[in-house]
Amino acid sequence: MANLDEAPQSRGVVYDLGYRNYDGPRLGRRYAIRSLYVLSLRNTFGLGRGTLPKVLAFGLALVALLPAIFTVAFGAVAGEGFEFVEHHDYFELIQIVIVLFVAAMASDLVGNDRKNNTLPLYFSRPIERDDYLLAKIAALATALMSLTLLPQLLVFVGNWLGATDGTEWLGDNISDVWRIGASSTLASLQLAVIGLAIAMFTTRRAFALTSVLAALWFSVVFTGFLVTVLGPGWAAVAMLATPGYAMNAATYVIFDAVPARADRMGEMADQVAYADLPGWTWIAALVAQTAIALFFAIRRYRKVTL
């Protein structure tokens, strides 16, 4: 019998594969935030994903553009002075489209990361939890600009090009440019922050979608009912606390378009004027809603378990 002690012993072998420490440039936190922002913005429009997300995102954006396209097209035929929709009414006209966009995209932007457990991968890079959240908010707000800012700029440029005297028309209406920019930015930030703050509390897309819709759309319907049964004082409180009313009312104020009672058109404009509040309170309410939602969102992500 062979002596087991004489059996060949297995020995470890060290291979020099040429591994070296990384000595190239380290792009750091700012680059990581920018990369996350770009990735989130691409995901919002379904780029790099399947067909359905692309159709949903670009389809909603196209629907939001339709009133602007009709305004420019019919204005070219009817001549100067035709307005299918005015700037201060635009958000109210496409509000359900905006809310659907926010509800669908917010649930994807934060829900998928938690569902797929990719947060530890993000936070293994030089990126803080607050950075992650702010990058997501910036991406969704930028995407919302395609529904809030782009259509109104199209209407403005179309009316300018269709004017008999373009120089005179531009001089009379140039103030609308900052109003369009201010109202679109405030509305996009408000909706992005509130939508993400709600969606981050669940990984289930259906729950997130329903919750965002309830907060941004059904709350407007419910408040509209309350306004009809409550006195002006309580009605004003209800409207100030409702994101949809605050967004539209702040837009009326920015465009100086809260009309006299005899000239009001549209139920929401009628109810805003019915509240009889100083204009600045609506803008303050919109900013306050955005700040409160941001506070709870940041607090949530600072405590979330990876």
Protein backbone atom coordinates (compact mmCIF):
# COMPACT_ATOMS: atom_id res chain seq x y z
CA MET A 1 0.00 0.00 0.00
CA ALA A 2 1.30 3.42 -0.90
CA ASN A 3 2.32 5.60 1.95
CA LEU A 4 -0.16 8.47 2.22
CA ASP A 5 2.56 10.68 3.61
CA GLU A 6 4.37 10.39 0.31
CA ALA A 7 1.37 11.66 -1.76
CA PRO A 8 2.11 14.93 -3.58
CA GLN A 9 1.03 17.94 -1.59
CA SER A 10 -1.11 20.61 -3.30
CA ARG A 11 0.56 23.94 -3.22
CA GLY A 12 -0.83 27.41 -3.79
CA VAL A 13 0.48 29.35 -6.73
CA VAL A 14 0.64 33.13 -6.88
CA TYR A 15 0.05 34.66 -10.30
CA ASP A 16 1.14 38.19 -11.04
CA LEU A 17 -1.77 39.60 -13.04
CA GLY A 18 -0.41 43.08 -13.03
CA TYR A 19 -3.07 44.63 -10.78
CA ARG A 20 -2.27 48.19 -9.84
CA ASN A 21 -3.92 50.83 -7.76
CA TYR A 22 -6.06 53.29 -9.74
CA ASP A 23 -4.09 56.49 -10.20
CA GLY A 24 -6.33 58.25 -12.76
CA PRO A 25 -8.61 61.22 -12.18
CA ARG A 26 -11.33 60.84 -9.56
CA LEU A 27 -14.36 62.72 -10.77
CA GLY A 28 -15.95 63.01 -7.35
CA ARG A 29 -19.32 63.93 -5.94
CA ARG A 30 -20.35 66.56 -8.47
CA TYR A 31 -19.84 64.20 -11.38
CA ALA A 32 -21.78 61.45 -9.59
CA ILE A 33 -24.74 63.80 -9.01
CA ARG A 34 -24.70 64.97 -12.61
CA SER A 35 -24.56 61.38 -13.87
CA LEU A 36 -27.49 60.38 -11.67
CA TYR A 37 -29.46 63.41 -12.90
CA VAL A 38 -28.85 62.54 -16.56
CA LEU A 39 -29.69 58.88 -15.99
CA SER A 40 -32.92 59.80 -14.16
CA LEU A 41 -33.91 62.26 -16.89
CA ARG A 42 -33.37 59.59 -19.54
CA ASN A 43 -35.41 57.11 -17.52
CA THR A 44 -38.25 59.64 -17.22
CA PHE A 45 -38.65 59.62 -21.00
CA GLY A 46 -38.08 55.88 -21.28
CA LEU A 47 -34.71 56.20 -23.02
CA GLY A 48 -32.75 53.01 -22.62
CA ARG A 49 -35.92 51.17 -21.60
CA GLY A 50 -38.73 49.36 -23.37
CA THR A 51 -41.32 50.70 -25.78
CA LEU A 52 -44.15 51.29 -23.30
CA PRO A 53 -42.31 53.84 -21.10
CA LYS A 54 -41.30 55.81 -24.19
CA VAL A 55 -44.84 55.82 -25.59
CA LEU A 56 -46.29 56.88 -22.23
CA ALA A 57 -43.83 59.73 -21.62
CA PHE A 58 -43.73 61.17 -25.13
CA GLY A 59 -47.46 60.57 -25.60
CA LEU A 60 -48.36 62.65 -22.54
CA ALA A 61 -45.90 65.35 -23.59
CA LEU A 62 -47.52 65.47 -27.03
CA VAL A 63 -51.01 65.76 -25.54
CA ALA A 64 -49.80 68.66 -23.41
CA LEU A 65 -48.49 70.32 -26.58
CA LEU A 66 -51.73 69.98 -28.55
CA PRO A 67 -53.44 73.17 -27.24
CA ALA A 68 -50.31 75.14 -28.14
CA ILE A 69 -50.19 73.57 -31.60
CA PHE A 70 -53.87 74.35 -32.18
CA THR A 71 -53.36 77.92 -31.00
CA VAL A 72 -50.48 78.52 -33.41
CA ALA A 73 -52.17 76.71 -36.31
CA PHE A 74 -55.56 78.41 -36.00
CA GLY A 75 -53.87 81.72 -35.26
CA ALA A 76 -52.04 81.48 -38.58
CA VAL A 77 -55.38 81.01 -40.35
CA ALA A 78 -57.58 83.37 -38.31
CA GLY A 79 -55.00 86.12 -38.10
CA GLU A 80 -53.60 88.21 -35.28
CA GLY A 81 -55.63 88.30 -32.08
CA PHE A 82 -56.83 84.68 -32.13
CA GLU A 83 -56.12 82.84 -28.87
CA PHE A 84 -57.31 79.26 -28.47
CA VAL A 85 -55.87 79.25 -24.95
CA GLU A 86 -54.19 81.99 -22.92
CA HIS A 87 -51.01 81.50 -20.93
CA HIS A 88 -52.62 81.80 -17.51
CA ASP A 89 -55.21 79.13 -18.40
CA TYR A 90 -52.75 76.61 -19.83
CA PHE A 91 -52.01 74.65 -16.64
CA GLU A 92 -55.68 74.34 -15.79
CA LEU A 93 -56.42 73.05 -19.30
CA ILE A 94 -53.78 70.29 -19.22
CA GLN A 95 -53.77 69.65 -15.47
CA ILE A 96 -54.87 66.02 -15.68
CA VAL A 97 -52.11 65.34 -18.24
CA ILE A 98 -49.48 66.88 -15.97
CA VAL A 99 -50.72 64.92 -12.96
CA LEU A 100 -50.69 61.64 -14.90
CA PHE A 101 -47.12 62.36 -16.02
CA VAL A 102 -45.98 63.06 -12.46
CA ALA A 103 -47.78 60.01 -11.04
CA ALA A 104 -46.35 57.65 -13.65
CA MET A 105 -42.78 58.93 -13.61
CA ALA A 106 -42.36 59.56 -9.86
CA SER A 107 -43.21 55.95 -9.06
CA ASP A 108 -40.55 54.79 -11.53
CA LEU A 109 -37.82 57.21 -10.47
CA VAL A 110 -37.69 56.23 -6.80
CA GLY A 111 -39.72 53.03 -6.58
CA ASN A 112 -37.56 50.96 -8.92
CA ASP A 113 -34.35 51.79 -7.05
CA ARG A 114 -35.78 50.53 -3.78
CA LYS A 115 -37.52 47.57 -5.38
CA ASN A 116 -34.34 46.46 -7.18
CA ASN A 117 -32.18 47.27 -4.15
CA THR A 118 -29.84 49.56 -6.08
CA LEU A 119 -29.63 52.25 -3.40
CA PRO A 120 -26.57 50.65 -1.73
CA LEU A 121 -24.82 50.81 -5.11
CA TYR A 122 -25.56 54.53 -5.46
CA PHE A 123 -24.44 55.31 -1.94
CA SER A 124 -21.22 53.36 -2.37
CA ARG A 125 -20.16 56.25 -4.59
CA PRO A 126 -19.27 59.76 -3.36
CA ILE A 127 -22.93 60.75 -3.25
CA GLU A 128 -25.02 61.62 -0.21
CA ARG A 129 -28.64 60.69 0.38
CA ASP A 130 -29.71 64.31 -0.05
CA ASP A 131 -27.80 64.42 -3.34
CA TYR A 132 -29.70 61.39 -4.59
CA LEU A 133 -33.05 62.93 -3.79
CA LEU A 134 -32.20 66.36 -5.25
CA ALA A 135 -30.95 64.75 -8.47
CA LYS A 136 -34.24 62.88 -8.82
CA ILE A 137 -36.27 66.05 -8.16
CA ALA A 138 -34.21 68.03 -10.68
CA ALA A 139 -34.70 65.29 -13.31
CA LEU A 140 -38.47 65.12 -12.87
CA ALA A 141 -38.81 68.93 -12.75
CA THR A 142 -36.78 69.23 -15.96
CA ALA A 143 -38.94 66.63 -17.66
CA LEU A 144 -42.06 68.50 -16.54
CA MET A 145 -40.77 71.59 -18.31
CA SER A 146 -41.63 69.84 -21.58
CA LEU A 147 -45.27 69.98 -20.46
CA THR A 148 -45.30 73.38 -18.75
CA LEU A 149 -42.66 75.59 -20.36
CA LEU A 150 -42.27 74.31 -23.91
CA PRO A 151 -45.95 74.61 -24.98
CA GLN A 152 -46.23 78.18 -23.70
CA LEU A 153 -43.02 79.21 -25.43
CA LEU A 154 -44.44 77.70 -28.63
CA VAL A 155 -47.58 79.82 -28.25
CA PHE A 156 -45.51 82.94 -27.56
CA VAL A 157 -43.22 82.44 -30.57
CA GLY A 158 -46.17 81.53 -32.81
CA ASN A 159 -48.09 84.67 -31.84
CA TRP A 160 -44.96 86.76 -32.35
CA LEU A 161 -44.28 85.38 -35.82
CA GLY A 162 -47.94 85.75 -36.77
CA ALA A 163 -48.21 89.38 -35.67
CA THR A 164 -48.62 92.06 -38.30
CA ASP A 165 -45.92 94.17 -36.64
CA GLY A 166 -43.61 91.77 -34.85
CA THR A 167 -41.53 94.47 -33.22
CA GLU A 168 -44.55 96.24 -31.73
CA TRP A 169 -46.12 92.96 -30.59
CA LEU A 170 -42.89 91.87 -28.91
CA GLY A 171 -42.61 95.19 -27.10
CA ASP A 172 -46.17 94.85 -25.79
CA ASN A 173 -45.82 91.20 -24.72
CA ILE A 174 -42.17 90.73 -23.75
CA SER A 175 -43.13 90.66 -20.05
CA ASP A 176 -44.89 87.35 -20.69
CA VAL A 177 -41.51 85.66 -21.10
CA TRP A 178 -40.50 85.96 -17.45
CA ARG A 179 -44.07 85.15 -16.38
CA ILE A 180 -43.99 81.96 -18.44
CA GLY A 181 -40.59 81.02 -17.03
CA ALA A 182 -41.52 81.79 -13.41
CA SER A 183 -44.89 80.02 -13.45
CA SER A 184 -43.50 76.96 -15.25
CA THR A 185 -40.53 76.64 -12.90
CA LEU A 186 -42.61 76.99 -9.74
CA ALA A 187 -45.25 74.54 -10.98
CA SER A 188 -42.69 71.97 -12.15
CA LEU A 189 -40.75 72.06 -8.87
CA GLN A 190 -43.92 71.86 -6.79
CA LEU A 191 -45.29 68.86 -8.66
CA ALA A 192 -41.93 67.08 -8.82
CA VAL A 193 -41.24 67.42 -5.10
CA ILE A 194 -44.76 66.46 -4.00
CA GLY A 195 -44.95 63.57 -6.44
CA LEU A 196 -41.62 62.08 -5.37
CA ALA A 197 -42.30 62.70 -1.67
CA ILE A 198 -45.45 60.59 -1.97
CA ALA A 199 -44.07 57.91 -4.28
CA MET A 200 -41.03 57.15 -2.12
CA PHE A 201 -43.15 55.66 0.65
CA THR A 202 -43.93 52.52 -1.33
CA THR A 203 -42.13 50.23 -3.76
CA ARG A 204 -45.38 49.15 -5.42
CA ARG A 205 -46.01 51.19 -8.53
CA ALA A 206 -49.80 50.86 -8.36
CA PHE A 207 -49.89 52.22 -4.81
CA ALA A 208 -47.56 55.10 -5.67
CA LEU A 209 -49.55 55.95 -8.79
CA THR A 210 -52.85 55.97 -6.89
CA SER A 211 -51.44 58.02 -4.02
CA VAL A 212 -50.00 60.71 -6.29
CA LEU A 213 -53.23 60.91 -8.27
CA ALA A 214 -55.23 61.27 -5.06
CA ALA A 215 -53.00 64.04 -3.74
CA LEU A 216 -52.73 66.04 -6.97
CA TRP A 217 -55.97 65.44 -8.83
CA PHE A 218 -58.73 64.06 -6.64
CA SER A 219 -57.87 66.64 -3.99
CA VAL A 220 -58.79 69.35 -6.53
CA VAL A 221 -62.16 67.69 -7.18
CA PHE A 222 -62.85 67.29 -3.47
CA THR A 223 -61.82 70.86 -2.70
CA GLY A 224 -64.02 72.12 -5.52
CA PHE A 225 -66.94 70.39 -3.81
CA LEU A 226 -66.02 71.93 -0.46
CA VAL A 227 -65.87 75.40 -1.97
CA THR A 228 -69.53 75.10 -3.00
CA VAL A 229 -70.69 74.25 0.54
CA LEU A 230 -68.27 76.22 2.73
CA GLY A 231 -68.13 79.93 3.37
CA PRO A 232 -65.36 82.03 1.80
CA GLY A 233 -63.12 81.73 4.87
CA TRP A 234 -62.97 77.93 5.07
CA ALA A 235 -63.04 77.63 1.29
CA ALA A 236 -59.90 79.75 1.11
CA VAL A 237 -58.15 77.51 3.65
CA ALA A 238 -59.08 74.40 1.67
CA MET A 239 -57.82 75.90 -1.60
CA LEU A 240 -54.55 77.10 -0.09
CA ALA A 241 -53.85 73.56 1.11
CA THR A 242 -54.61 71.96 -2.27
CA PRO A 243 -51.63 71.68 -4.67
CA GLY A 244 -53.71 72.04 -7.83
CA TYR A 245 -55.44 75.19 -6.65
CA ALA A 246 -52.20 76.73 -5.40
CA MET A 247 -50.47 76.03 -8.73
CA ASN A 248 -53.23 77.50 -10.88
CA ALA A 249 -53.93 80.45 -8.60
CA ALA A 250 -50.23 81.34 -8.41
CA THR A 251 -50.18 81.27 -12.22
CA TYR A 252 -53.15 83.66 -12.38
CA VAL A 253 -51.34 85.98 -9.98
CA ILE A 254 -48.03 85.87 -11.88
CA PHE A 255 -49.85 86.77 -15.11
CA ASP A 256 -51.95 89.37 -13.27
CA ALA A 257 -55.01 87.50 -14.55
CA VAL A 258 -57.27 87.01 -11.53
CA PRO A 259 -60.21 88.63 -13.28
CA ALA A 260 -63.05 90.78 -12.03
CA ARG A 261 -66.11 88.75 -11.09
CA ALA A 262 -68.08 89.78 -14.18
CA ASP A 263 -65.25 88.74 -16.50
CA ARG A 264 -64.27 85.40 -14.96
CA MET A 265 -64.15 82.33 -17.17
CA GLY A 266 -63.57 78.83 -15.89
CA GLU A 267 -64.71 77.21 -12.65
CA MET A 268 -61.33 77.20 -10.98
CA ALA A 269 -60.63 80.84 -11.82
CA ASP A 270 -64.07 81.66 -10.46
CA GLN A 271 -63.36 79.86 -7.20
CA VAL A 272 -59.93 81.45 -6.82
CA ALA A 273 -61.43 84.91 -7.13
CA TYR A 274 -64.23 83.82 -4.78
CA ALA A 275 -61.64 83.20 -2.07
CA ASP A 276 -60.75 86.91 -2.26
CA LEU A 277 -57.19 86.51 -0.99
CA PRO A 278 -54.17 88.73 -1.67
CA GLY A 279 -52.21 87.51 -4.66
CA TRP A 280 -49.01 86.82 -2.74
CA THR A 281 -50.75 84.27 -0.50
CA TRP A 282 -51.18 81.87 -3.43
CA ILE A 283 -47.51 82.05 -4.36
CA ALA A 284 -46.58 81.65 -0.69
CA ALA A 285 -48.86 78.61 -0.46
CA LEU A 286 -47.21 77.00 -3.50
CA VAL A 287 -43.72 77.62 -2.12
CA ALA A 288 -44.75 76.37 1.33
CA GLN A 289 -46.20 73.15 -0.09
CA THR A 290 -42.98 72.55 -2.01
CA ALA A 291 -40.80 73.22 1.05
CA ILE A 292 -42.87 70.98 3.34
CA ALA A 293 -42.85 68.11 0.84
CA LEU A 294 -39.08 68.51 0.39
CA PHE A 295 -38.56 68.44 4.15
CA PHE A 296 -40.44 65.16 4.56
CA ALA A 297 -38.75 63.66 1.50
CA ILE A 298 -35.27 64.44 2.80
CA ARG A 299 -36.20 63.19 6.25
CA ARG A 300 -37.52 59.98 4.74
CA TYR A 301 -34.33 59.24 2.79
CA ARG A 302 -32.08 60.03 5.70
CA LYS A 303 -33.84 57.31 7.68
CA VAL A 304 -34.43 54.73 4.94
CA THR A 305 -32.71 51.40 5.57
CA LEU A 306 -30.47 50.15 2.79
